[in-house]
Amino acid sequence: NNIKIKSYVGVDNSKELLEIAKKQFPNYKFIESNLNSVDPSIFTENKYNLIFAFGLMHHLQTFESRKELINRSYKSLVKDGLLAVTYWQFKNDTKIFSKAKHLKDEDYELPFGNSTAKRFCHFTNEVEADLLGEGLELKSSYFADGKSKALNLYKLYSRTLIIT
């Protein structure tokens, strides 16, 4: 593919991962931020053609924080921009889900890989994903990834109307 990326903004809460990314991609911008309280300036300083929210929605601890991130991302798109969001469907993998410790409702604690480190993981079903994207222009929704081809729920939104 001959896609040329003119600018890129990456957000993570891991200083170590951000340092690696900065070394590999010195011309791009990287911001350290907690996923549950993303700096609003990320969304107000620029407009984006494409925003990926992959592998992060399950770490946000409240419906409100998930909804706010999606809405702010969507409003940060240029006309005809694309927002791509994944929701990890860890309940669809018996090996992964067997390691889950139920906390409450659809909130779980899962080990990170084979380590003893634990992480918060929220399970977003299709109904909740639809509520999170309510009012946005949905272009596509599908399951993919893993042996089951259902390890992630993908939601793709396009911003053809500029909402202020």
N, C-alpha and C. Protein backbone atom coordinates (compact mmCIF):
# COMPACT_ATOMS: atom_id res chain seq x y z
N ASN A 1 0.83 -1.18 0.00
CA ASN A 1 0.00 0.00 0.00
C ASN A 1 0.87 1.24 0.00
N ASN A 2 0.45 2.27 -0.69
CA ASN A 2 1.20 3.52 -0.78
C ASN A 2 0.57 4.62 0.06
N ILE A 3 0.05 4.27 1.20
CA ILE A 3 -0.56 5.25 2.08
C ILE A 3 0.55 6.04 2.76
N LYS A 4 0.47 7.34 2.68
CA LYS A 4 1.45 8.23 3.32
C LYS A 4 0.77 8.88 4.51
N ILE A 5 1.37 8.71 5.66
CA ILE A 5 0.84 9.31 6.87
C ILE A 5 1.59 10.62 7.09
N LYS A 6 0.85 11.73 7.01
CA LYS A 6 1.46 13.05 7.18
C LYS A 6 1.65 13.39 8.65
N SER A 7 0.66 13.03 9.45
CA SER A 7 0.77 13.27 10.88
C SER A 7 0.06 12.16 11.63
N TYR A 8 0.48 11.95 12.86
CA TYR A 8 -0.05 10.86 13.67
C TYR A 8 0.01 11.29 15.12
N VAL A 9 -1.03 11.01 15.88
CA VAL A 9 -1.03 11.24 17.32
C VAL A 9 -1.37 9.92 17.98
N GLY A 10 -0.46 9.44 18.82
CA GLY A 10 -0.68 8.20 19.57
C GLY A 10 -0.86 8.52 21.04
N VAL A 11 -1.78 7.83 21.68
CA VAL A 11 -2.06 8.06 23.11
C VAL A 11 -1.94 6.74 23.85
N ASP A 12 -1.20 6.76 24.95
CA ASP A 12 -1.06 5.57 25.79
C ASP A 12 -0.70 6.04 27.19
N ASN A 13 -0.91 5.18 28.18
CA ASN A 13 -0.53 5.55 29.55
C ASN A 13 0.79 4.91 29.97
N SER A 14 1.43 4.18 29.07
CA SER A 14 2.70 3.51 29.38
C SER A 14 3.88 4.35 28.89
N LYS A 15 4.65 4.90 29.83
CA LYS A 15 5.83 5.68 29.47
C LYS A 15 6.81 4.84 28.66
N GLU A 16 6.96 3.59 29.05
CA GLU A 16 7.91 2.71 28.37
C GLU A 16 7.53 2.49 26.90
N LEU A 17 6.26 2.20 26.65
CA LEU A 17 5.81 1.99 25.27
C LEU A 17 5.89 3.27 24.45
N LEU A 18 5.60 4.40 25.09
CA LEU A 18 5.68 5.67 24.37
C LEU A 18 7.12 6.01 23.99
N GLU A 19 8.06 5.69 24.87
CA GLU A 19 9.47 5.95 24.56
C GLU A 19 9.92 5.10 23.37
N ILE A 20 9.49 3.87 23.32
CA ILE A 20 9.82 3.00 22.17
C ILE A 20 9.22 3.58 20.89
N ALA A 21 7.97 3.99 20.97
CA ALA A 21 7.28 4.54 19.80
C ALA A 21 7.97 5.83 19.33
N LYS A 22 8.37 6.70 20.27
CA LYS A 22 9.04 7.96 19.91
C LYS A 22 10.36 7.70 19.19
N LYS A 23 11.08 6.68 19.63
CA LYS A 23 12.35 6.35 18.98
C LYS A 23 12.12 5.81 17.57
N GLN A 24 11.10 4.99 17.40
CA GLN A 24 10.83 4.39 16.09
C GLN A 24 10.17 5.37 15.12
N PHE A 25 9.42 6.32 15.65
CA PHE A 25 8.67 7.26 14.82
C PHE A 25 8.87 8.69 15.35
N PRO A 26 10.06 9.24 15.19
CA PRO A 26 10.36 10.55 15.79
C PRO A 26 9.56 11.72 15.22
N ASN A 27 8.95 11.57 14.07
CA ASN A 27 8.19 12.67 13.47
C ASN A 27 6.72 12.69 13.88
N TYR A 28 6.32 11.72 14.68
CA TYR A 28 4.93 11.66 15.12
C TYR A 28 4.80 12.13 16.56
N LYS A 29 3.59 12.50 16.92
CA LYS A 29 3.32 13.00 18.27
C LYS A 29 2.76 11.87 19.13
N PHE A 30 3.28 11.77 20.35
CA PHE A 30 2.81 10.77 21.30
C PHE A 30 2.49 11.46 22.62
N ILE A 31 1.36 11.09 23.19
CA ILE A 31 0.87 11.74 24.41
C ILE A 31 0.65 10.68 25.48
N GLU A 32 1.17 10.94 26.66
CA GLU A 32 0.90 10.06 27.79
C GLU A 32 -0.39 10.52 28.45
N SER A 33 -1.33 9.61 28.57
CA SER A 33 -2.62 9.95 29.16
C SER A 33 -3.32 8.70 29.66
N ASN A 34 -3.98 8.82 30.79
CA ASN A 34 -4.79 7.74 31.32
C ASN A 34 -6.04 7.61 30.47
N LEU A 35 -6.38 6.39 30.09
CA LEU A 35 -7.54 6.18 29.23
C LEU A 35 -8.85 6.66 29.84
N ASN A 36 -8.93 6.65 31.16
CA ASN A 36 -10.17 7.04 31.81
C ASN A 36 -10.29 8.56 31.98
N SER A 37 -9.24 9.29 31.61
CA SER A 37 -9.30 10.76 31.69
C SER A 37 -8.41 11.37 30.62
N VAL A 38 -8.75 11.12 29.36
CA VAL A 38 -7.97 11.60 28.24
C VAL A 38 -8.04 13.12 28.19
N ASP A 39 -6.89 13.75 27.98
CA ASP A 39 -6.78 15.20 27.89
C ASP A 39 -7.68 15.70 26.75
N PRO A 40 -8.66 16.55 27.05
CA PRO A 40 -9.58 17.05 26.02
C PRO A 40 -8.89 17.80 24.88
N SER A 41 -7.71 18.35 25.11
CA SER A 41 -7.02 19.10 24.05
C SER A 41 -6.67 18.21 22.86
N ILE A 42 -6.55 16.90 23.09
CA ILE A 42 -6.29 15.97 22.00
C ILE A 42 -7.40 16.09 20.95
N PHE A 43 -8.61 16.34 21.43
CA PHE A 43 -9.76 16.37 20.55
C PHE A 43 -10.09 17.77 20.03
N THR A 44 -9.57 18.81 20.66
CA THR A 44 -9.94 20.16 20.25
C THR A 44 -8.87 20.85 19.43
N GLU A 45 -7.63 20.42 19.51
CA GLU A 45 -6.54 21.10 18.80
C GLU A 45 -6.47 20.72 17.32
N ASN A 46 -6.93 19.55 16.96
CA ASN A 46 -6.80 19.07 15.59
C ASN A 46 -8.09 18.41 15.13
N LYS A 47 -8.20 18.25 13.82
CA LYS A 47 -9.25 17.44 13.22
C LYS A 47 -8.53 16.30 12.51
N TYR A 48 -9.14 15.13 12.52
CA TYR A 48 -8.49 13.93 12.03
C TYR A 48 -9.28 13.28 10.90
N ASN A 49 -8.56 12.69 9.97
CA ASN A 49 -9.17 11.92 8.88
C ASN A 49 -9.57 10.53 9.36
N LEU A 50 -8.79 10.01 10.27
CA LEU A 50 -8.97 8.63 10.71
C LEU A 50 -8.58 8.52 12.18
N ILE A 51 -9.46 7.93 12.96
CA ILE A 51 -9.19 7.67 14.37
C ILE A 51 -9.45 6.19 14.62
N PHE A 52 -8.45 5.52 15.19
CA PHE A 52 -8.58 4.12 15.60
C PHE A 52 -8.68 4.07 17.11
N ALA A 53 -9.65 3.35 17.61
CA ALA A 53 -9.76 3.06 19.04
C ALA A 53 -9.75 1.54 19.15
N PHE A 54 -8.56 0.98 18.99
CA PHE A 54 -8.39 -0.47 19.01
C PHE A 54 -7.75 -0.90 20.33
N GLY A 55 -8.32 -1.93 20.92
CA GLY A 55 -7.73 -2.52 22.12
C GLY A 55 -7.74 -1.61 23.33
N LEU A 56 -8.72 -0.73 23.42
CA LEU A 56 -8.73 0.14 24.59
C LEU A 56 -10.09 0.29 25.24
N MET A 57 -11.17 0.11 24.52
CA MET A 57 -12.49 0.36 25.10
C MET A 57 -12.76 -0.51 26.32
N HIS A 58 -12.22 -1.73 26.33
CA HIS A 58 -12.48 -2.63 27.47
C HIS A 58 -11.75 -2.18 28.74
N HIS A 59 -10.82 -1.23 28.62
CA HIS A 59 -10.11 -0.73 29.79
C HIS A 59 -10.82 0.45 30.45
N LEU A 60 -11.76 1.07 29.73
CA LEU A 60 -12.49 2.20 30.30
C LEU A 60 -13.52 1.69 31.29
N GLN A 61 -13.55 2.29 32.46
CA GLN A 61 -14.27 1.69 33.58
C GLN A 61 -15.75 2.04 33.69
N THR A 62 -16.21 3.04 32.94
CA THR A 62 -17.62 3.39 33.03
C THR A 62 -18.21 3.56 31.63
N PHE A 63 -19.51 3.38 31.55
CA PHE A 63 -20.23 3.62 30.30
C PHE A 63 -20.00 5.06 29.85
N GLU A 64 -20.07 5.99 30.81
CA GLU A 64 -19.91 7.41 30.50
C GLU A 64 -18.54 7.70 29.90
N SER A 65 -17.48 7.09 30.44
CA SER A 65 -16.13 7.34 29.89
C SER A 65 -16.00 6.74 28.49
N ARG A 66 -16.62 5.59 28.25
CA ARG A 66 -16.60 5.00 26.91
C ARG A 66 -17.37 5.89 25.92
N LYS A 67 -18.54 6.35 26.33
CA LYS A 67 -19.38 7.20 25.48
C LYS A 67 -18.67 8.52 25.19
N GLU A 68 -18.06 9.11 26.19
CA GLU A 68 -17.37 10.39 26.01
C GLU A 68 -16.20 10.25 25.03
N LEU A 69 -15.44 9.18 25.15
CA LEU A 69 -14.31 8.99 24.24
C LEU A 69 -14.80 8.82 22.80
N ILE A 70 -15.85 8.06 22.61
CA ILE A 70 -16.38 7.86 21.25
C ILE A 70 -16.94 9.18 20.70
N ASN A 71 -17.72 9.91 21.50
CA ASN A 71 -18.30 11.16 21.02
C ASN A 71 -17.23 12.20 20.71
N ARG A 72 -16.24 12.34 21.58
CA ARG A 72 -15.17 13.31 21.33
C ARG A 72 -14.36 12.92 20.10
N SER A 73 -14.10 11.63 19.95
CA SER A 73 -13.37 11.17 18.77
C SER A 73 -14.16 11.48 17.51
N TYR A 74 -15.43 11.17 17.53
CA TYR A 74 -16.29 11.39 16.37
C TYR A 74 -16.32 12.87 15.99
N LYS A 75 -16.47 13.73 16.99
CA LYS A 75 -16.52 15.17 16.73
C LYS A 75 -15.16 15.72 16.27
N SER A 76 -14.10 14.97 16.46
CA SER A 76 -12.76 15.39 16.04
C SER A 76 -12.45 14.99 14.60
N LEU A 77 -13.38 14.31 13.96
CA LEU A 77 -13.17 13.90 12.57
C LEU A 77 -13.45 15.04 11.61
N VAL A 78 -12.69 15.08 10.50
CA VAL A 78 -13.02 15.98 9.41
C VAL A 78 -14.25 15.42 8.71
N LYS A 79 -14.85 16.23 7.82
CA LYS A 79 -15.98 15.73 7.03
C LYS A 79 -15.51 14.51 6.25
N ASP A 80 -16.29 13.46 6.29
CA ASP A 80 -16.00 12.16 5.67
C ASP A 80 -14.86 11.40 6.37
N GLY A 81 -14.49 11.84 7.57
CA GLY A 81 -13.50 11.11 8.36
C GLY A 81 -14.09 9.80 8.87
N LEU A 82 -13.22 8.92 9.33
CA LEU A 82 -13.63 7.60 9.77
C LEU A 82 -13.16 7.32 11.19
N LEU A 83 -14.06 6.82 12.02
CA LEU A 83 -13.76 6.36 13.37
C LEU A 83 -13.94 4.85 13.40
N ALA A 84 -12.89 4.14 13.76
CA ALA A 84 -12.93 2.67 13.85
C ALA A 84 -12.72 2.26 15.30
N VAL A 85 -13.68 1.54 15.86
CA VAL A 85 -13.66 1.14 17.26
C VAL A 85 -13.77 -0.37 17.36
N THR A 86 -12.97 -0.96 18.27
CA THR A 86 -13.12 -2.39 18.53
C THR A 86 -13.56 -2.60 19.97
N TYR A 87 -14.34 -3.66 20.14
CA TYR A 87 -14.76 -4.10 21.46
C TYR A 87 -14.32 -5.55 21.60
N TRP A 88 -13.43 -5.79 22.53
CA TRP A 88 -12.87 -7.13 22.74
C TRP A 88 -13.96 -8.05 23.27
N GLN A 89 -14.19 -9.14 22.58
CA GLN A 89 -15.22 -10.11 22.93
C GLN A 89 -14.58 -11.31 23.64
N PHE A 90 -13.92 -11.03 24.74
CA PHE A 90 -13.17 -12.09 25.45
C PHE A 90 -14.07 -13.21 25.96
N LYS A 91 -15.36 -12.95 26.11
CA LYS A 91 -16.28 -14.01 26.52
C LYS A 91 -16.44 -15.07 25.43
N ASN A 92 -16.10 -14.72 24.19
CA ASN A 92 -16.20 -15.67 23.08
C ASN A 92 -15.03 -16.64 23.00
N ASP A 93 -14.04 -16.47 23.86
CA ASP A 93 -12.88 -17.36 23.89
C ASP A 93 -12.84 -18.04 25.26
N THR A 94 -13.18 -19.31 25.30
CA THR A 94 -13.29 -20.01 26.59
C THR A 94 -11.96 -20.04 27.34
N LYS A 95 -10.85 -20.11 26.63
CA LYS A 95 -9.54 -20.13 27.30
C LYS A 95 -9.28 -18.80 28.01
N ILE A 96 -9.56 -17.70 27.33
CA ILE A 96 -9.36 -16.38 27.94
C ILE A 96 -10.37 -16.17 29.06
N PHE A 97 -11.64 -16.45 28.78
CA PHE A 97 -12.69 -16.17 29.76
C PHE A 97 -12.58 -17.03 31.01
N SER A 98 -12.00 -18.22 30.88
CA SER A 98 -11.84 -19.09 32.05
C SER A 98 -10.89 -18.48 33.09
N LYS A 99 -10.07 -17.53 32.67
CA LYS A 99 -9.12 -16.87 33.57
C LYS A 99 -9.70 -15.59 34.18
N ALA A 100 -10.91 -15.22 33.76
CA ALA A 100 -11.52 -13.97 34.21
C ALA A 100 -12.08 -14.10 35.62
N LYS A 101 -11.83 -13.08 36.40
CA LYS A 101 -12.43 -12.98 37.73
C LYS A 101 -13.53 -11.93 37.63
N HIS A 102 -14.77 -12.34 37.92
CA HIS A 102 -15.91 -11.44 37.82
C HIS A 102 -15.84 -10.41 38.94
N LEU A 103 -16.00 -9.15 38.60
CA LEU A 103 -16.02 -8.08 39.59
C LEU A 103 -17.46 -7.66 39.86
N LYS A 104 -18.13 -7.15 38.83
CA LYS A 104 -19.56 -6.80 38.92
C LYS A 104 -20.08 -6.55 37.52
N ASP A 105 -21.36 -6.75 37.34
CA ASP A 105 -22.02 -6.54 36.04
C ASP A 105 -21.18 -7.18 34.94
N GLU A 106 -20.69 -6.39 33.99
CA GLU A 106 -19.86 -6.91 32.89
C GLU A 106 -18.40 -6.53 33.07
N ASP A 107 -17.99 -6.30 34.31
CA ASP A 107 -16.60 -5.93 34.63
C ASP A 107 -15.85 -7.15 35.18
N TYR A 108 -14.62 -7.32 34.67
CA TYR A 108 -13.80 -8.47 35.03
C TYR A 108 -12.37 -8.04 35.27
N GLU A 109 -11.63 -8.93 35.92
CA GLU A 109 -10.19 -8.77 36.06
C GLU A 109 -9.57 -9.94 35.31
N LEU A 110 -8.65 -9.63 34.42
CA LEU A 110 -8.00 -10.65 33.61
C LEU A 110 -6.49 -10.52 33.71
N PRO A 111 -5.78 -11.65 33.66
CA PRO A 111 -4.31 -11.55 33.62
C PRO A 111 -3.87 -10.97 32.29
N PHE A 112 -2.71 -10.35 32.29
CA PHE A 112 -2.15 -9.79 31.06
C PHE A 112 -1.22 -10.83 30.47
N GLY A 113 -1.67 -11.46 29.38
CA GLY A 113 -0.87 -12.53 28.76
C GLY A 113 -0.67 -13.67 29.74
N ASN A 114 0.56 -14.14 29.83
CA ASN A 114 0.90 -15.23 30.75
C ASN A 114 1.48 -14.73 32.07
N SER A 115 1.48 -13.41 32.26
CA SER A 115 2.06 -12.85 33.48
C SER A 115 1.06 -12.92 34.64
N THR A 116 1.52 -12.52 35.80
CA THR A 116 0.64 -12.46 36.97
C THR A 116 -0.02 -11.09 37.09
N ALA A 117 0.39 -10.17 36.21
CA ALA A 117 -0.22 -8.84 36.22
C ALA A 117 -1.70 -8.93 35.88
N LYS A 118 -2.51 -8.16 36.57
CA LYS A 118 -3.95 -8.15 36.35
C LYS A 118 -4.37 -6.83 35.72
N ARG A 119 -5.47 -6.87 34.96
CA ARG A 119 -6.00 -5.66 34.34
C ARG A 119 -7.51 -5.67 34.36
N PHE A 120 -8.07 -4.49 34.44
CA PHE A 120 -9.52 -4.31 34.38
C PHE A 120 -9.95 -4.52 32.94
N CYS A 121 -11.04 -5.27 32.74
CA CYS A 121 -11.61 -5.48 31.40
C CYS A 121 -13.13 -5.44 31.49
N HIS A 122 -13.72 -4.58 30.71
CA HIS A 122 -15.17 -4.50 30.61
C HIS A 122 -15.61 -5.22 29.35
N PHE A 123 -16.65 -6.03 29.46
CA PHE A 123 -17.19 -6.71 28.29
C PHE A 123 -18.34 -5.88 27.73
N THR A 124 -18.19 -5.45 26.48
CA THR A 124 -19.22 -4.68 25.80
C THR A 124 -19.93 -5.58 24.81
N ASN A 125 -21.21 -5.83 25.08
CA ASN A 125 -22.00 -6.64 24.13
C ASN A 125 -22.51 -5.75 23.00
N GLU A 126 -23.20 -6.35 22.04
CA GLU A 126 -23.69 -5.59 20.88
C GLU A 126 -24.68 -4.49 21.27
N VAL A 127 -25.52 -4.76 22.24
CA VAL A 127 -26.51 -3.77 22.66
C VAL A 127 -25.81 -2.54 23.24
N GLU A 128 -24.84 -2.76 24.11
CA GLU A 128 -24.11 -1.63 24.69
C GLU A 128 -23.31 -0.90 23.61
N ALA A 129 -22.69 -1.63 22.70
CA ALA A 129 -21.93 -1.00 21.62
C ALA A 129 -22.85 -0.11 20.77
N ASP A 130 -24.07 -0.56 20.53
CA ASP A 130 -25.03 0.25 19.78
C ASP A 130 -25.39 1.52 20.55
N LEU A 131 -25.56 1.40 21.86
CA LEU A 131 -25.85 2.57 22.68
C LEU A 131 -24.69 3.55 22.69
N LEU A 132 -23.47 3.03 22.72
CA LEU A 132 -22.29 3.89 22.70
C LEU A 132 -22.18 4.67 21.40
N GLY A 133 -22.63 4.08 20.32
CA GLY A 133 -22.57 4.74 19.02
C GLY A 133 -23.85 5.44 18.61
N GLU A 134 -24.79 5.51 19.52
CA GLU A 134 -26.08 6.13 19.22
C GLU A 134 -25.89 7.57 18.74
N GLY A 135 -26.55 7.91 17.63
CA GLY A 135 -26.46 9.26 17.09
C GLY A 135 -25.32 9.44 16.10
N LEU A 136 -24.46 8.45 15.95
CA LEU A 136 -23.35 8.53 15.01
C LEU A 136 -23.72 7.79 13.73
N GLU A 137 -23.09 8.15 12.64
CA GLU A 137 -23.39 7.49 11.37
C GLU A 137 -22.57 6.21 11.25
N LEU A 138 -23.24 5.09 11.48
CA LEU A 138 -22.60 3.78 11.42
C LEU A 138 -22.47 3.34 9.96
N LYS A 139 -21.25 3.02 9.56
CA LYS A 139 -21.00 2.54 8.20
C LYS A 139 -20.94 1.02 8.14
N SER A 140 -20.40 0.41 9.20
CA SER A 140 -20.24 -1.05 9.19
C SER A 140 -20.08 -1.56 10.61
N SER A 141 -20.55 -2.79 10.82
CA SER A 141 -20.41 -3.46 12.10
C SER A 141 -20.20 -4.94 11.82
N TYR A 142 -19.16 -5.51 12.40
CA TYR A 142 -18.88 -6.92 12.13
C TYR A 142 -17.97 -7.50 13.20
N PHE A 143 -17.96 -8.83 13.27
CA PHE A 143 -17.07 -9.57 14.15
C PHE A 143 -15.90 -10.12 13.34
N ALA A 144 -14.73 -10.17 13.96
CA ALA A 144 -13.55 -10.73 13.29
C ALA A 144 -12.51 -11.08 14.36
N ASP A 145 -11.44 -11.72 13.91
CA ASP A 145 -10.24 -12.01 14.69
C ASP A 145 -10.35 -13.30 15.51
N GLY A 146 -9.21 -13.89 15.75
CA GLY A 146 -9.12 -15.12 16.53
C GLY A 146 -9.61 -16.33 15.75
N LYS A 147 -9.44 -17.49 16.35
CA LYS A 147 -9.90 -18.73 15.72
C LYS A 147 -11.39 -18.71 15.44
N SER A 148 -12.13 -18.10 16.35
CA SER A 148 -13.59 -18.05 16.22
C SER A 148 -14.05 -17.01 15.20
N LYS A 149 -13.15 -16.14 14.79
CA LYS A 149 -13.50 -15.00 13.91
C LYS A 149 -14.52 -14.10 14.60
N ALA A 150 -14.53 -14.14 15.93
CA ALA A 150 -15.48 -13.33 16.70
C ALA A 150 -14.84 -12.78 17.98
N LEU A 151 -13.52 -12.55 17.95
CA LEU A 151 -12.83 -12.09 19.15
C LEU A 151 -12.93 -10.57 19.34
N ASN A 152 -13.29 -9.86 18.27
CA ASN A 152 -13.51 -8.42 18.36
C ASN A 152 -14.78 -8.05 17.59
N LEU A 153 -15.51 -7.11 18.16
CA LEU A 153 -16.63 -6.48 17.47
C LEU A 153 -16.12 -5.16 16.94
N TYR A 154 -16.20 -4.97 15.63
CA TYR A 154 -15.76 -3.73 14.98
C TYR A 154 -16.95 -2.85 14.67
N LYS A 155 -16.81 -1.56 14.94
CA LYS A 155 -17.80 -0.56 14.59
C LYS A 155 -17.07 0.54 13.83
N LEU A 156 -17.53 0.83 12.61
CA LEU A 156 -16.93 1.87 11.79
C LEU A 156 -17.95 2.98 11.57
N TYR A 157 -17.56 4.19 11.93
CA TYR A 157 -18.43 5.35 11.81
C TYR A 157 -17.81 6.36 10.86
N SER A 158 -18.66 7.02 10.09
CA SER A 158 -18.20 8.08 9.19
C SER A 158 -18.90 9.38 9.59
N ARG A 159 -18.16 10.46 9.49
CA ARG A 159 -18.73 11.75 9.87
C ARG A 159 -19.01 12.56 8.62
N THR A 160 -20.18 12.38 8.07
CA THR A 160 -20.54 13.13 6.87
C THR A 160 -21.26 14.43 7.25
N LEU A 161 -21.80 14.49 8.43
CA LEU A 161 -22.42 15.71 8.91
C LEU A 161 -21.54 16.29 10.00
N ILE A 162 -21.26 17.56 9.93
CA ILE A 162 -20.44 18.20 10.94
C ILE A 162 -21.36 18.68 12.07
N ILE A 163 -21.12 18.12 13.24
CA ILE A 163 -21.94 18.44 14.42
C ILE A 163 -21.12 19.35 15.32
N THR A 164 -21.69 20.45 15.72
CA THR A 164 -20.96 21.37 16.60
C THR A 164 -21.54 21.37 17.99
